[in-house]
C-alpha atoms as a PDB file:
ATOM      1  CA  MET A   1      99.008 100.104 103.621  1.00  0.00           C
ATOM      2  CA  LEU A   2      98.230 103.533 105.038  1.00  0.00           C
ATOM      3  CA  ASP A   3     100.051 104.711 108.135  1.00  0.00           C
ATOM      4  CA  SER A   4      98.383 107.222 110.434  1.00  0.00           C
ATOM      5  CA  GLY A   5     100.050 110.261 108.816  1.00  0.00           C
ATOM      6  CA  PRO A   6      98.484 109.874 105.362  1.00  0.00           C
ATOM      7  CA  LEU A   7      95.225 108.555 106.819  1.00  0.00           C
ATOM      8  CA  GLY A   8      94.990 111.607 109.065  1.00  0.00           C
ATOM      9  CA  LEU A   9      95.702 113.896 106.128  1.00  0.00           C
ATOM     10  CA  VAL A  10      93.006 112.458 103.848  1.00  0.00           C
ATOM     11  CA  THR A  11      90.361 112.432 106.572  1.00  0.00           C
ATOM     12  CA  ASN A  12      91.048 115.987 107.708  1.00  0.00           C
ATOM     13  CA  PRO A  13      88.092 118.164 106.613  1.00  0.00           C
ATOM     14  CA  LYS A  14      90.323 121.274 106.716  1.00  0.00           C
ATOM     15  CA  LEU A  15      92.041 121.022 103.366  1.00  0.00           C
ATOM     16  CA  SER A  16      95.587 122.255 103.785  1.00  0.00           C
ATOM     17  CA  THR A  17      97.866 122.097 100.769  1.00  0.00           C
ATOM     18  CA  GLU A  18      99.370 118.839 102.103  1.00  0.00           C
ATOM     19  CA  SER A  19      96.046 117.182 102.913  1.00  0.00           C
ATOM     20  CA  ALA A  20      94.626 118.107  99.491  1.00  0.00           C
ATOM     21  CA  ALA A  21      97.740 116.685  97.805  1.00  0.00           C
ATOM     22  CA  CYS A  22      97.489 113.503  99.855  1.00  0.00           C
ATOM     23  CA  ALA A  23      93.777 113.118  99.034  1.00  0.00           C
ATOM     24  CA  GLN A  24      94.581 113.550  95.342  1.00  0.00           C
ATOM     25  CA  TRP A  25      97.413 110.997  95.632  1.00  0.00           C
ATOM     26  CA  LEU A  26      95.048 108.503  97.251  1.00  0.00           C
ATOM     27  CA  GLN A  27      92.333 109.101  94.634  1.00  0.00           C
ATOM     28  CA  THR A  28      94.870 108.575  91.846  1.00  0.00           C
ATOM     29  CA  HIS A  29      95.892 105.222  93.351  1.00  0.00           C
ATOM     30  CA  ILE A  30      92.284 104.126  93.868  1.00  0.00           C
ATOM     31  CA  THR A  31      91.377 105.089  90.281  1.00  0.00           C
ATOM     32  CA  ALA A  32      94.419 103.194  88.960  1.00  0.00           C
ATOM     33  CA  GLY A  33      93.324 100.065  90.823  1.00  0.00           C
ATOM     34  CA  SER A  34      96.061 100.064  93.449  1.00  0.00           C
ATOM     35  CA  ARG A  35      95.174  97.955  96.472  1.00  0.00           C
ATOM     36  CA  ILE A  36      94.943 100.435  99.340  1.00  0.00           C
ATOM     37  CA  ILE A  37      94.410  99.124 102.866  1.00  0.00           C
ATOM     38  CA  ILE A  38      93.514 100.796 106.141  1.00  0.00           C
ATOM     39  CA  PRO A  39      95.036  98.668 108.920  1.00  0.00           C
ATOM     40  CA  GLU A  40      92.965  98.625 112.094  1.00  0.00           C
ATOM     41  CA  ILE A  41      95.887  99.935 114.172  1.00  0.00           C
ATOM     42  CA  THR A  42      96.114 102.981 111.900  1.00  0.00           C
ATOM     43  CA  ASP A  43      92.369 103.583 112.154  1.00  0.00           C
ATOM     44  CA  TYR A  44      92.747 103.380 115.944  1.00  0.00           C
ATOM     45  CA  GLU A  45      95.577 105.918 116.037  1.00  0.00           C
ATOM     46  CA  VAL A  46      93.701 108.439 113.890  1.00  0.00           C
ATOM     47  CA  ARG A  47      90.276 107.763 115.435  1.00  0.00           C
ATOM     48  CA  ARG A  48      91.407 108.217 119.049  1.00  0.00           C
ATOM     49  CA  GLU A  49      92.709 111.717 118.276  1.00  0.00           C
ATOM     50  CA  LEU A  50      89.569 112.656 116.335  1.00  0.00           C
ATOM     51  CA  LEU A  51      87.451 111.487 119.274  1.00  0.00           C
ATOM     52  CA  ARG A  52      89.612 113.319 121.812  1.00  0.00           C
ATOM     53  CA  ALA A  53      89.306 116.551 119.844  1.00  0.00           C
ATOM     54  CA  ASN A  54      85.595 115.932 119.127  1.00  0.00           C
ATOM     55  CA  LYS A  55      86.170 116.277 115.367  1.00  0.00           C
ATOM     56  CA  ILE A  56      82.884 114.884 114.081  1.00  0.00           C
ATOM     57  CA  LYS A  57      83.523 115.685 110.402  1.00  0.00           C
ATOM     58  CA  GLY A  58      86.907 113.956 110.531  1.00  0.00           C
ATOM     59  CA  LEU A  59      85.303 110.868 112.096  1.00  0.00           C
ATOM     60  CA  ALA A  60      82.668 110.801 109.365  1.00  0.00           C
ATOM     61  CA  ARG A  61      85.365 111.064 106.693  1.00  0.00           C
ATOM     62  CA  LEU A  62      87.322 108.234 108.348  1.00  0.00           C
ATOM     63  CA  ASP A  63      84.214 106.035 108.451  1.00  0.00           C
ATOM     64  CA  ASP A  64      83.387 106.847 104.822  1.00  0.00           C
ATOM     65  CA  LEU A  65      86.901 106.008 103.660  1.00  0.00           C
ATOM     66  CA  ALA A  66      86.832 102.689 105.532  1.00  0.00           C
ATOM     67  CA  GLN A  67      83.720 101.812 103.490  1.00  0.00           C
ATOM     68  CA  LEU A  68      85.429 102.755 100.224  1.00  0.00           C
ATOM     69  CA  ILE A  69      88.696 100.826 100.580  1.00  0.00           C
ATOM     70  CA  LYS A  70      89.795  97.623 102.310  1.00  0.00           C
ATOM     71  CA  TYR A  71      89.888  97.666 106.104  1.00  0.00           C
ATOM     72  CA  LEU A  72      92.213  95.124 107.718  1.00  0.00           C
ATOM     73  CA  PRO A  73      91.153  94.043 111.225  1.00  0.00           C
ATOM     74  CA  ILE A  74      93.849  93.082 113.721  1.00  0.00           C
ATOM     75  CA  GLY A  75      93.943  89.346 114.329  1.00  0.00           C
ATOM     76  CA  THR A  76      95.778  87.018 116.670  1.00  0.00           C
ATOM     77  CA  VAL A  77      98.423  86.150 114.070  1.00  0.00           C
ATOM     78  CA  ALA A  78      99.280  89.831 113.596  1.00  0.00           C
ATOM     79  CA  MET A  79      99.417  90.528 117.329  1.00  0.00           C
ATOM     80  CA  ARG A  80     101.711  87.562 117.943  1.00  0.00           C
ATOM     81  CA  GLN A  81     103.944  88.729 115.093  1.00  0.00           C
ATOM     82  CA  ALA A  82     103.951  92.226 116.603  1.00  0.00           C
ATOM     83  CA  ALA A  83     105.005  90.847 119.991  1.00  0.00           C
ATOM     84  CA  LYS A  84     107.848  88.967 118.306  1.00  0.00           C
ATOM     85  CA  LEU A  85     109.018  92.101 116.450  1.00  0.00           C
ATOM     86  CA  TRP A  86     108.741  94.181 119.631  1.00  0.00           C
ATOM     87  CA  ALA A  87     110.901  91.697 121.567  1.00  0.00           C
ATOM     88  CA  GLN A  88     113.446  91.294 118.760  1.00  0.00           C
ATOM     89  CA  SER A  89     113.936  95.038 118.387  1.00  0.00           C
ATOM     90  CA  ARG A  90     114.674  95.312 122.111  1.00  0.00           C
ATOM     91  CA  GLN A  91     117.011  92.316 122.076  1.00  0.00           C
ATOM     92  CA  GLN A  92     118.925  94.069 119.280  1.00  0.00           C
ATOM     93  CA  GLY A  93     119.047  97.301 121.277  1.00  0.00           C
ATOM     94  CA  GLN A  94     116.866  99.147 118.735  1.00  0.00           C
ATOM     95  CA  PRO A  95     113.423  99.617 120.310  1.00  0.00           C
ATOM     96  CA  THR A  96     110.822 101.458 118.269  1.00  0.00           C
ATOM     97  CA  SER A  97     109.095 102.926 121.331  1.00  0.00           C
ATOM     98  CA  GLY A  98     109.200 102.963 125.115  1.00  0.00           C
ATOM     99  CA  ASP A  99     109.041  99.645 126.985  1.00  0.00           C
ATOM    100  CA  LYS A 100     105.599 100.434 128.445  1.00  0.00           C
ATOM    101  CA  THR A 101     103.929 101.420 125.176  1.00  0.00           C
ATOM    102  CA  ILE A 102     101.795  99.252 122.933  1.00  0.00           C
ATOM    103  CA  ASP A 103     103.900 100.305 119.893  1.00  0.00           C
ATOM    104  CA  GLY A 104     101.545 100.876 116.998  1.00  0.00           C
ATOM    105  CA  ASP A 105     104.448 100.780 114.533  1.00  0.00           C
ATOM    106  CA  VAL A 106     105.239  97.111 115.168  1.00  0.00           C
ATOM    107  CA  ILE A 107     101.536  96.260 115.052  1.00  0.00           C
ATOM    108  CA  LEU A 108     101.288  98.031 111.683  1.00  0.00           C
ATOM    109  CA  VAL A 109     104.354  96.168 110.410  1.00  0.00           C
ATOM    110  CA  ALA A 110     102.945  92.873 111.693  1.00  0.00           C
ATOM    111  CA  GLN A 111      99.605  93.508 109.996  1.00  0.00           C
ATOM    112  CA  SER A 112     101.508  94.179 106.770  1.00  0.00           C
ATOM    113  CA  ILE A 113     103.592  91.013 107.104  1.00  0.00           C
ATOM    114  CA  THR A 114     100.562  88.824 107.763  1.00  0.00           C
ATOM    115  CA  LEU A 115      99.110  89.821 104.395  1.00  0.00           C
ATOM    116  CA  GLY A 116     101.681  87.473 102.890  1.00  0.00           C
ATOM    117  CA  VAL A 117     102.320  89.730  99.898  1.00  0.00           C
ATOM    118  CA  SER A 118     105.858  90.503  98.796  1.00  0.00           C
ATOM    119  CA  ASP A 119     105.194  93.940  97.310  1.00  0.00           C
ATOM    120  CA  VAL A 120     103.431  95.590 100.254  1.00  0.00           C
ATOM    121  CA  VAL A 121     104.539  99.158 100.986  1.00  0.00           C
ATOM    122  CA  ILE A 122     103.502 101.268 103.942  1.00  0.00           C
ATOM    123  CA  ALA A 123     102.650 104.826 102.894  1.00  0.00           C
ATOM    124  CA  THR A 124     103.750 107.098 105.708  1.00  0.00           C
ATOM    125  CA  THR A 125     104.881 110.582 106.694  1.00  0.00           C
ATOM    126  CA  ASN A 126     107.815 109.184 108.716  1.00  0.00           C
ATOM    127  CA  ILE A 127     109.796 106.226 107.409  1.00  0.00           C
ATOM    128  CA  GLY A 128     111.873 105.929 110.609  1.00  0.00           C
ATOM    129  CA  HIS A 129     111.072 102.747 112.504  1.00  0.00           C
ATOM    130  CA  LEU A 130     108.916 101.137 109.823  1.00  0.00           C
ATOM    131  CA  SER A 131     111.625 100.743 107.190  1.00  0.00           C
ATOM    132  CA  ARG A 132     113.703  98.613 109.568  1.00  0.00           C
ATOM    133  CA  PHE A 133     111.108  95.855 109.221  1.00  0.00           C
ATOM    134  CA  ILE A 134     109.307  96.285 105.910  1.00  0.00           C
ATOM    135  CA  SER A 135     109.161  98.421 102.796  1.00  0.00           C
ATOM    136  CA  ALA A 136     107.925 101.893 103.731  1.00  0.00           C
ATOM    137  CA  ASP A 137     108.122 105.202 101.942  1.00  0.00           C
ATOM    138  CA  LEU A 138     106.768 108.721 102.132  1.00  0.00           C
ATOM    139  CA  TRP A 139     103.335 108.711 100.525  1.00  0.00           C
ATOM    140  CA  GLN A 140     104.499 111.326  97.991  1.00  0.00           C
ATOM    141  CA  ASN A 141     107.201 108.925  96.727  1.00  0.00           C
ATOM    142  CA  ILE A 142     104.838 106.019  96.062  1.00  0.00           C
ATOM    143  CA  THR A 143     103.864 106.270  92.436  1.00  0.00           C
ATOM    144  CA  ILE A 144     101.819 104.128  90.118  1.00  0.00           C
ATOM    145  CA  ASP A 145     103.941 101.770  88.025  1.00  0.00           C
END
């Protein structure tokens, strides 16, 4: 599962050293047959910034990538799971965002959980909140077995 950090890097038309490395990492995983998924919440987080900044090339790259690899729409089951995670984290005194925010992290985690696969890993640029709920690692650390 791609978090917004890696997805933003690979769709950025300005190839920095990091974005080129991330694109190469993604291509290596695709070539090796790894199951790579773009969760709808991640697409939303990247897309809204591309739209705000009027980055047409980035939007085209995002759309092209969504055609190349699996895109996971948000469903009712995932949103209900996200609400449960959001409430539980607050009950435990460990919120992942402000009380008035939608909290994309718990929606991403919920989308991952609803896949029903035990070996799912979220590729991210910030493990922080995600690793409290599910396996997450920096994209650079996720290698092909």
